[in-house]
Amino acid sequence: MAGHPAATPARIVEQHRSGYVVATGPGEGFTVESLPEWQRPAGYRKGTVAPEERPAVGDWVLVEDGKRIVALLPRRSAIKRGAAGEHYKQQLIAANVDVVFVVCGLDGDFNPRRIERYLLLVQGSGAQVVVVLTKADKPGADADAARDTLAGIEAQGVAVVAVNAKDAASVDALLPWLPPGDTAVLVGSSGAGKSTVTNTLLGTERMKTGEVREHDARGRHTTTHRALIPLPSGACLIDTPGMRELKPTGEEELADGGFADIQALAEQCKFRDCAHQKEPGCAVRAAIERGELDEARFGNYLKLKAEVAAAADRLASRMADKQGAKVQTRALNKRVEDKYGKR
């Protein structure tokens, strides 16, 4: 704050395409202007700031005159994913988060492979992860069977909680992860029940909710933007729109995604470059044959491993391009200085 002695710390509580809403306390937020470099399109070269370096909901900023942001304060955690499209980009979901609730319905939305993908994206952020299984009250919902399916995840220390999102007593099971001063974020597909969980925790119908389609259990995007909401418990909760595409950034570690047991098995294989197919002495295949490792989970591990490696290559290429551009700029500036003198 030394460079901005008159500035006031504020937290971003809403993020829109047109700008940000910040708050200095539990009361109503107010709209502020952002720095010009945060408003420039990603393709704008001079002064461009990468999307993940721009503020997101949960970030702390400095605001002057109650009108404009003058600085982004350091983050202690960040939830990111690879942005859609051919070119490598990162998208920041939320910042300064203590716990991530991965929400999945006990209907057609239940997908263990997608839950594993979420874990991979968020476990390395520094935030704790809790899998929340909603719609436990629906006919045919089998929370015990779902937890059995997620036994490999629970064995890695990830809590799995089944709730009826419309029942306050049921949703109170999440309160141990919502102490005063902490921030949680809800992530999951549309129709999973994120906004219903939010409304029940608030005790009021603040967030718009919608019905899911019967034939595929998918919902519409009732939440259109990310918003940070103070809860009666003293914690803050960030509700997010449903995410259909969950691409790794290339910064993830497979062990963080709940696959530490598979990596430990792989280290026991006879050959260091074992592909875990038909090689002799493969500890992974042996565990699958003994029924100790779910083959579908292992298949998802291989798929995510390949995606992370590909994203890591793209990230390295982007960093090399940026470094090359800096070197070229320094060389050009030096030639100008040598010819015309320093200005």
Protein backbone atom coordinates (compact mmCIF):
# COMPACT_ATOMS: atom_id res chain seq x y z
CA MET A 1 0.00 0.00 0.00
CA ALA A 2 3.08 2.24 0.14
CA GLY A 3 2.53 3.39 -3.43
CA HIS A 4 -1.15 4.16 -2.79
CA PRO A 5 -1.40 5.69 0.72
CA ALA A 6 -4.97 6.89 0.15
CA ALA A 7 -6.25 3.54 -1.17
CA THR A 8 -8.62 1.24 0.72
CA PRO A 9 -8.52 -2.59 0.59
CA ALA A 10 -11.67 -4.14 -0.88
CA ARG A 11 -12.65 -7.59 -2.03
CA ILE A 12 -14.12 -8.43 -5.43
CA VAL A 13 -17.58 -9.90 -4.87
CA GLU A 14 -18.84 -9.94 -8.47
CA GLN A 15 -17.14 -10.15 -11.83
CA HIS A 16 -18.92 -9.09 -15.03
CA ARG A 17 -17.72 -8.51 -18.57
CA SER A 18 -18.17 -4.79 -18.02
CA GLY A 19 -16.27 -4.59 -14.73
CA TYR A 20 -16.17 -5.48 -11.05
CA VAL A 21 -18.25 -5.05 -7.91
CA VAL A 22 -16.25 -4.80 -4.67
CA ALA A 23 -17.09 -4.64 -0.97
CA THR A 24 -15.21 -3.44 2.10
CA GLY A 25 -17.44 -5.38 4.51
CA PRO A 26 -20.53 -7.61 4.71
CA GLY A 27 -22.79 -4.84 3.32
CA GLU A 28 -23.74 -4.07 -0.27
CA GLY A 29 -20.99 -3.88 -2.86
CA PHE A 30 -20.29 -1.03 -5.25
CA THR A 31 -19.08 -0.86 -8.84
CA VAL A 32 -15.52 0.29 -9.53
CA GLU A 33 -13.42 1.03 -12.59
CA SER A 34 -10.60 -1.41 -13.33
CA LEU A 35 -7.09 -0.71 -14.58
CA PRO A 36 -6.96 -0.03 -18.35
CA GLU A 37 -4.67 -3.02 -19.00
CA TRP A 38 -7.32 -5.34 -17.48
CA GLN A 39 -9.87 -4.10 -20.02
CA ARG A 40 -7.81 -4.70 -23.15
CA PRO A 41 -8.68 -7.80 -25.20
CA ALA A 42 -6.35 -10.78 -24.92
CA GLY A 43 -5.00 -10.24 -28.45
CA TYR A 44 -3.92 -6.67 -27.69
CA ARG A 45 -0.12 -6.81 -27.50
CA LYS A 46 1.16 -3.71 -25.73
CA GLY A 47 0.34 -3.76 -22.03
CA THR A 48 -1.64 -6.99 -22.25
CA VAL A 49 -2.25 -8.77 -18.95
CA ALA A 50 -2.87 -12.52 -19.12
CA PRO A 51 -6.41 -13.53 -18.06
CA GLU A 52 -5.14 -15.42 -14.99
CA GLU A 53 -3.28 -12.29 -13.85
CA ARG A 54 -6.44 -10.19 -13.86
CA PRO A 55 -8.65 -10.03 -10.76
CA ALA A 56 -11.31 -12.65 -10.09
CA VAL A 57 -14.02 -13.04 -7.48
CA GLY A 58 -12.32 -13.45 -4.10
CA ASP A 59 -9.34 -11.26 -4.97
CA TRP A 60 -8.34 -8.35 -2.75
CA VAL A 61 -7.62 -5.03 -4.48
CA LEU A 62 -6.80 -1.44 -3.56
CA VAL A 63 -9.48 1.13 -4.39
CA GLU A 64 -8.98 4.90 -4.53
CA ASP A 65 -11.76 7.43 -4.02
CA GLY A 66 -14.27 4.59 -3.89
CA LYS A 67 -14.25 4.62 -7.69
CA ARG A 68 -11.30 2.81 -9.23
CA ILE A 69 -8.97 -0.12 -8.63
CA VAL A 70 -5.31 0.86 -8.52
CA ALA A 71 -3.65 -2.46 -7.59
CA LEU A 72 -4.23 -6.18 -7.20
CA LEU A 73 -3.01 -7.59 -3.88
CA PRO A 74 -1.12 -10.94 -3.70
CA ARG A 75 -3.22 -14.12 -3.70
CA ARG A 76 -2.82 -17.06 -1.30
CA SER A 77 -4.73 -19.51 -3.53
CA ALA A 78 -6.23 -19.63 -7.01
CA ILE A 79 -8.64 -22.04 -8.73
CA LYS A 80 -7.90 -22.22 -12.48
CA ARG A 81 -8.70 -24.22 -15.58
CA GLY A 82 -7.53 -24.23 -19.16
CA ALA A 83 -9.75 -21.93 -21.23
CA ALA A 84 -11.71 -23.28 -24.19
CA GLY A 85 -10.20 -22.76 -27.64
CA GLU A 86 -7.14 -23.72 -29.66
CA HIS A 87 -4.73 -21.19 -28.14
CA TYR A 88 -3.32 -21.78 -24.66
CA LYS A 89 -5.00 -19.63 -22.04
CA GLN A 90 -5.89 -19.99 -18.40
CA GLN A 91 -9.17 -18.99 -16.81
CA LEU A 92 -9.26 -18.01 -13.16
CA ILE A 93 -12.37 -19.33 -11.39
CA ALA A 94 -11.88 -17.88 -7.90
CA ALA A 95 -9.11 -16.56 -5.65
CA ASN A 96 -8.22 -16.68 -1.96
CA VAL A 97 -10.34 -19.78 -1.34
CA ASP A 98 -10.01 -22.10 1.68
CA VAL A 99 -12.29 -24.94 0.58
CA VAL A 100 -13.73 -26.12 -2.74
CA PHE A 101 -17.08 -27.91 -2.73
CA VAL A 102 -17.23 -30.14 -5.82
CA VAL A 103 -20.99 -30.54 -6.26
CA CYS A 104 -22.46 -33.53 -8.09
CA GLY A 105 -26.08 -34.72 -8.13
CA LEU A 106 -27.09 -38.29 -7.27
CA ASP A 107 -29.04 -38.51 -10.52
CA GLY A 108 -27.86 -38.59 -14.11
CA ASP A 109 -25.31 -35.91 -13.14
CA PHE A 110 -23.29 -38.39 -11.06
CA ASN A 111 -20.02 -38.96 -12.88
CA PRO A 112 -16.98 -40.22 -10.91
CA ARG A 113 -14.65 -39.46 -13.82
CA ARG A 114 -15.73 -35.81 -13.89
CA ILE A 115 -15.28 -35.58 -10.11
CA GLU A 116 -11.70 -36.87 -10.54
CA ARG A 117 -11.14 -34.19 -13.18
CA TYR A 118 -12.36 -31.48 -10.79
CA LEU A 119 -10.06 -32.81 -8.08
CA LEU A 120 -7.10 -32.64 -10.43
CA LEU A 121 -7.82 -29.00 -11.23
CA VAL A 122 -8.41 -27.76 -7.69
CA GLN A 123 -6.31 -29.95 -5.34
CA GLY A 124 -3.06 -28.17 -6.21
CA SER A 125 -4.52 -24.74 -5.46
CA GLY A 126 -3.82 -24.98 -1.75
CA ALA A 127 -7.53 -25.20 -0.90
CA GLN A 128 -9.17 -28.19 0.78
CA VAL A 129 -11.59 -30.20 -1.37
CA VAL A 130 -14.94 -31.71 -0.33
CA VAL A 131 -17.15 -33.71 -2.70
CA VAL A 132 -20.82 -32.82 -2.10
CA LEU A 133 -23.38 -35.30 -3.42
CA THR A 134 -26.73 -33.50 -3.74
CA LYS A 135 -30.27 -34.81 -4.39
CA ALA A 136 -29.91 -37.53 -1.77
CA ASP A 137 -33.69 -37.20 -1.32
CA LYS A 138 -34.52 -38.10 -4.93
CA PRO A 139 -36.17 -41.47 -5.67
CA GLY A 140 -33.54 -43.99 -6.64
CA ALA A 141 -30.65 -41.97 -5.16
CA ASP A 142 -28.15 -44.31 -3.54
CA ALA A 143 -25.61 -42.34 -1.56
CA ASP A 144 -23.95 -45.45 -0.16
CA ALA A 145 -23.36 -46.91 -3.64
CA ALA A 146 -21.98 -43.56 -4.82
CA ARG A 147 -19.57 -43.41 -1.89
CA ASP A 148 -18.44 -46.96 -2.65
CA THR A 149 -17.71 -45.83 -6.21
CA LEU A 150 -15.69 -42.92 -4.83
CA ALA A 151 -13.79 -45.09 -2.33
CA GLY A 152 -10.52 -44.47 -4.18
CA ILE A 153 -11.01 -40.72 -3.74
CA GLU A 154 -11.98 -40.98 -0.07
CA ALA A 155 -8.89 -43.15 0.54
CA GLN A 156 -6.80 -40.15 -0.56
CA GLY A 157 -8.24 -38.05 2.27
CA VAL A 158 -11.02 -36.28 0.35
CA ALA A 159 -14.27 -35.98 2.31
CA VAL A 160 -17.48 -37.08 0.54
CA VAL A 161 -20.77 -35.72 1.95
CA ALA A 162 -24.29 -36.57 0.72
CA VAL A 163 -27.00 -33.94 1.32
CA ASN A 164 -30.54 -32.95 0.46
CA ALA A 165 -29.75 -29.45 -0.82
CA LYS A 166 -33.26 -28.17 0.03
CA ASP A 167 -33.11 -29.27 3.68
CA ALA A 168 -31.28 -26.95 6.09
CA ALA A 169 -30.55 -29.69 8.63
CA SER A 170 -28.97 -31.82 5.88
CA VAL A 171 -26.90 -28.96 4.44
CA ASP A 172 -25.64 -28.14 7.94
CA ALA A 173 -23.27 -31.07 7.37
CA LEU A 174 -21.15 -28.58 5.38
CA LEU A 175 -20.78 -26.11 8.26
CA PRO A 176 -17.55 -27.66 9.64
CA TRP A 177 -15.88 -26.41 6.43
CA LEU A 178 -17.44 -22.93 6.75
CA PRO A 179 -15.95 -21.34 9.88
CA PRO A 180 -16.00 -17.55 10.30
CA GLY A 181 -13.50 -15.80 8.04
CA ASP A 182 -13.04 -18.68 5.59
CA THR A 183 -14.08 -18.67 1.94
CA ALA A 184 -15.58 -21.59 0.01
CA VAL A 185 -16.38 -21.95 -3.67
CA LEU A 186 -19.00 -24.22 -5.26
CA VAL A 187 -18.05 -25.86 -8.56
CA GLY A 188 -19.96 -28.39 -10.63
CA SER A 189 -22.11 -28.82 -13.70
CA SER A 190 -25.34 -26.92 -14.36
CA GLY A 191 -28.24 -28.45 -12.47
CA ALA A 192 -26.04 -30.09 -9.84
CA GLY A 193 -27.63 -28.01 -7.08
CA LYS A 194 -24.97 -25.35 -6.35
CA SER A 195 -27.44 -22.46 -6.14
CA THR A 196 -29.87 -24.54 -4.08
CA VAL A 197 -27.09 -25.28 -1.58
CA THR A 198 -26.29 -21.55 -1.48
CA ASN A 199 -29.92 -20.57 -0.84
CA THR A 200 -30.27 -23.16 1.93
CA LEU A 201 -27.09 -22.00 3.66
CA LEU A 202 -28.34 -18.41 3.42
CA GLY A 203 -31.84 -19.26 4.60
CA THR A 204 -33.31 -17.23 1.73
CA GLU A 205 -33.99 -17.65 -2.00
CA ARG A 206 -31.27 -15.30 -3.19
CA MET A 207 -29.88 -17.34 -6.10
CA LYS A 208 -32.09 -18.29 -9.04
CA THR A 209 -32.57 -22.04 -9.47
CA GLY A 210 -34.08 -24.13 -12.25
CA GLU A 211 -35.35 -27.62 -12.98
CA VAL A 212 -33.16 -30.16 -14.74
CA ARG A 213 -34.16 -32.02 -17.90
CA GLU A 214 -35.55 -35.47 -17.10
CA HIS A 215 -33.90 -37.33 -20.00
CA ASP A 216 -30.29 -36.39 -19.14
CA ALA A 217 -30.50 -34.66 -15.71
CA ARG A 218 -28.83 -31.52 -17.08
CA GLY A 219 -29.80 -28.06 -15.97
CA ARG A 220 -29.76 -24.60 -17.50
CA HIS A 221 -27.24 -21.94 -16.53
CA THR A 222 -29.32 -20.23 -13.82
CA THR A 223 -26.14 -18.69 -12.36
CA THR A 224 -24.72 -16.36 -15.01
CA HIS A 225 -21.80 -14.84 -13.12
CA ARG A 226 -19.56 -15.57 -10.15
CA ALA A 227 -20.58 -13.94 -6.90
CA LEU A 228 -19.14 -13.90 -3.36
CA ILE A 229 -21.84 -14.00 -0.69
CA PRO A 230 -21.44 -13.61 3.11
CA LEU A 231 -23.07 -16.47 5.05
CA PRO A 232 -24.71 -16.35 8.51
CA SER A 233 -21.86 -18.54 9.80
CA GLY A 234 -19.39 -15.71 9.13
CA ALA A 235 -17.85 -17.50 6.15
CA CYS A 236 -18.07 -16.40 2.53
CA LEU A 237 -19.37 -18.56 -0.32
CA ILE A 238 -18.67 -18.16 -4.05
CA ASP A 239 -21.31 -19.57 -6.39
CA THR A 240 -20.19 -20.18 -9.98
CA PRO A 241 -21.90 -20.97 -13.30
CA GLY A 242 -21.83 -24.60 -14.40
CA MET A 243 -18.67 -25.61 -16.27
CA ARG A 244 -18.98 -27.98 -19.21
CA GLU A 245 -15.32 -28.07 -20.18
CA LEU A 246 -12.63 -28.84 -17.61
CA LYS A 247 -9.24 -28.56 -19.29
CA PRO A 248 -6.01 -28.86 -17.29
CA THR A 249 -3.62 -25.90 -17.27
CA GLY A 250 -0.48 -28.06 -17.36
CA GLU A 251 0.49 -27.02 -13.83
CA GLU A 252 -1.36 -29.90 -12.15
CA GLU A 253 0.19 -32.87 -10.35
CA LEU A 254 -1.56 -36.22 -10.82
CA ALA A 255 -1.04 -37.07 -7.14
CA ASP A 256 -3.02 -33.93 -6.22
CA GLY A 257 -5.98 -35.25 -8.23
CA GLY A 258 -6.47 -38.23 -5.96
CA PHE A 259 -4.20 -40.54 -7.97
CA ALA A 260 -1.35 -40.86 -5.46
CA ASP A 261 -2.17 -44.55 -4.99
CA ILE A 262 -1.84 -45.26 -8.73
CA GLN A 263 1.46 -43.43 -8.90
CA ALA A 264 2.72 -45.41 -5.91
CA LEU A 265 1.76 -48.65 -7.69
CA ALA A 266 3.50 -47.50 -10.89
CA GLU A 267 6.73 -47.07 -8.94
CA GLN A 268 6.58 -50.78 -8.03
CA CYS A 269 6.47 -51.93 -11.67
CA LYS A 270 9.38 -54.06 -12.87
CA PHE A 271 10.22 -51.69 -15.71
CA ARG A 272 10.63 -47.94 -15.21
CA ASP A 273 8.97 -47.16 -18.57
CA CYS A 274 6.09 -49.58 -18.00
CA ALA A 275 3.00 -48.60 -20.00
CA HIS A 276 0.79 -50.70 -17.69
CA GLN A 277 -0.63 -52.76 -20.52
CA LYS A 278 0.82 -56.29 -20.88
CA GLU A 279 4.33 -55.81 -19.53
CA PRO A 280 5.57 -58.51 -17.10
CA GLY A 281 5.87 -57.40 -13.49
CA CYS A 282 3.33 -54.55 -13.85
CA ALA A 283 2.10 -53.69 -10.34
CA VAL A 284 -0.77 -51.60 -11.72
CA ARG A 285 -2.24 -54.44 -13.84
CA ALA A 286 -1.80 -56.82 -10.91
CA ALA A 287 -3.81 -54.47 -8.65
CA ILE A 288 -6.58 -54.26 -11.28
CA GLU A 289 -6.70 -58.05 -11.60
CA ARG A 290 -6.92 -58.43 -7.81
CA GLY A 291 -9.85 -55.99 -7.75
CA GLU A 292 -7.90 -53.46 -5.68
CA LEU A 293 -7.89 -50.80 -8.43
CA ASP A 294 -10.89 -49.81 -10.54
CA GLU A 295 -9.96 -50.11 -14.21
CA ALA A 296 -12.21 -47.20 -15.23
CA ARG A 297 -10.46 -44.97 -12.68
CA PHE A 298 -7.08 -46.08 -14.00
CA GLY A 299 -8.23 -45.35 -17.56
CA ASN A 300 -9.21 -41.84 -16.48
CA TYR A 301 -5.80 -41.44 -14.83
CA LEU A 302 -4.09 -42.24 -18.15
CA LYS A 303 -6.38 -39.84 -20.02
CA LEU A 304 -5.77 -36.99 -17.57
CA LYS A 305 -2.05 -37.70 -17.50
CA ALA A 306 -1.89 -37.26 -21.29
CA GLU A 307 -3.96 -34.05 -21.12
CA VAL A 308 -1.76 -32.55 -18.39
CA ALA A 309 1.39 -33.39 -20.37
CA ALA A 310 -0.04 -31.78 -23.53
CA ALA A 311 -1.11 -28.67 -21.60
CA ALA A 312 2.31 -28.48 -19.93
CA ASP A 313 3.95 -28.48 -23.38
CA ARG A 314 1.66 -25.65 -24.51
CA LEU A 315 2.38 -23.71 -21.32
CA ALA A 316 6.14 -24.14 -21.80
CA SER A 317 5.81 -22.95 -25.38
CA ARG A 318 3.88 -19.87 -24.28
CA MET A 319 6.45 -19.05 -21.61
CA ALA A 320 9.28 -19.47 -24.14
CA ASP A 321 7.50 -17.14 -26.58
CA LYS A 322 7.05 -14.53 -23.85
CA GLN A 323 10.69 -14.81 -22.81
CA GLY A 324 11.80 -14.52 -26.44
CA ALA A 325 9.68 -11.41 -26.89
CA LYS A 326 11.28 -9.85 -23.80
CA VAL A 327 14.78 -10.61 -25.10
CA GLN A 328 13.94 -9.09 -28.49
CA THR A 329 12.52 -5.97 -26.82
CA ARG A 330 15.62 -5.53 -24.63
CA ALA A 331 17.88 -5.99 -27.66
CA LEU A 332 15.88 -3.42 -29.66
CA ASN A 333 15.96 -0.92 -26.80
CA LYS A 334 19.73 -1.38 -26.48
CA ARG A 335 20.26 -0.71 -30.20
CA VAL A 336 18.13 2.44 -29.97
CA GLU A 337 20.10 3.61 -26.89
CA ASP A 338 23.45 2.87 -28.58
CA LYS A 339 22.43 4.88 -31.62
CA TYR A 340 20.51 7.77 -30.08
CA GLY A 341 21.53 7.71 -26.42
CA LYS A 342 19.42 7.01 -23.38
CA ARG A 343 16.29 9.13 -23.13
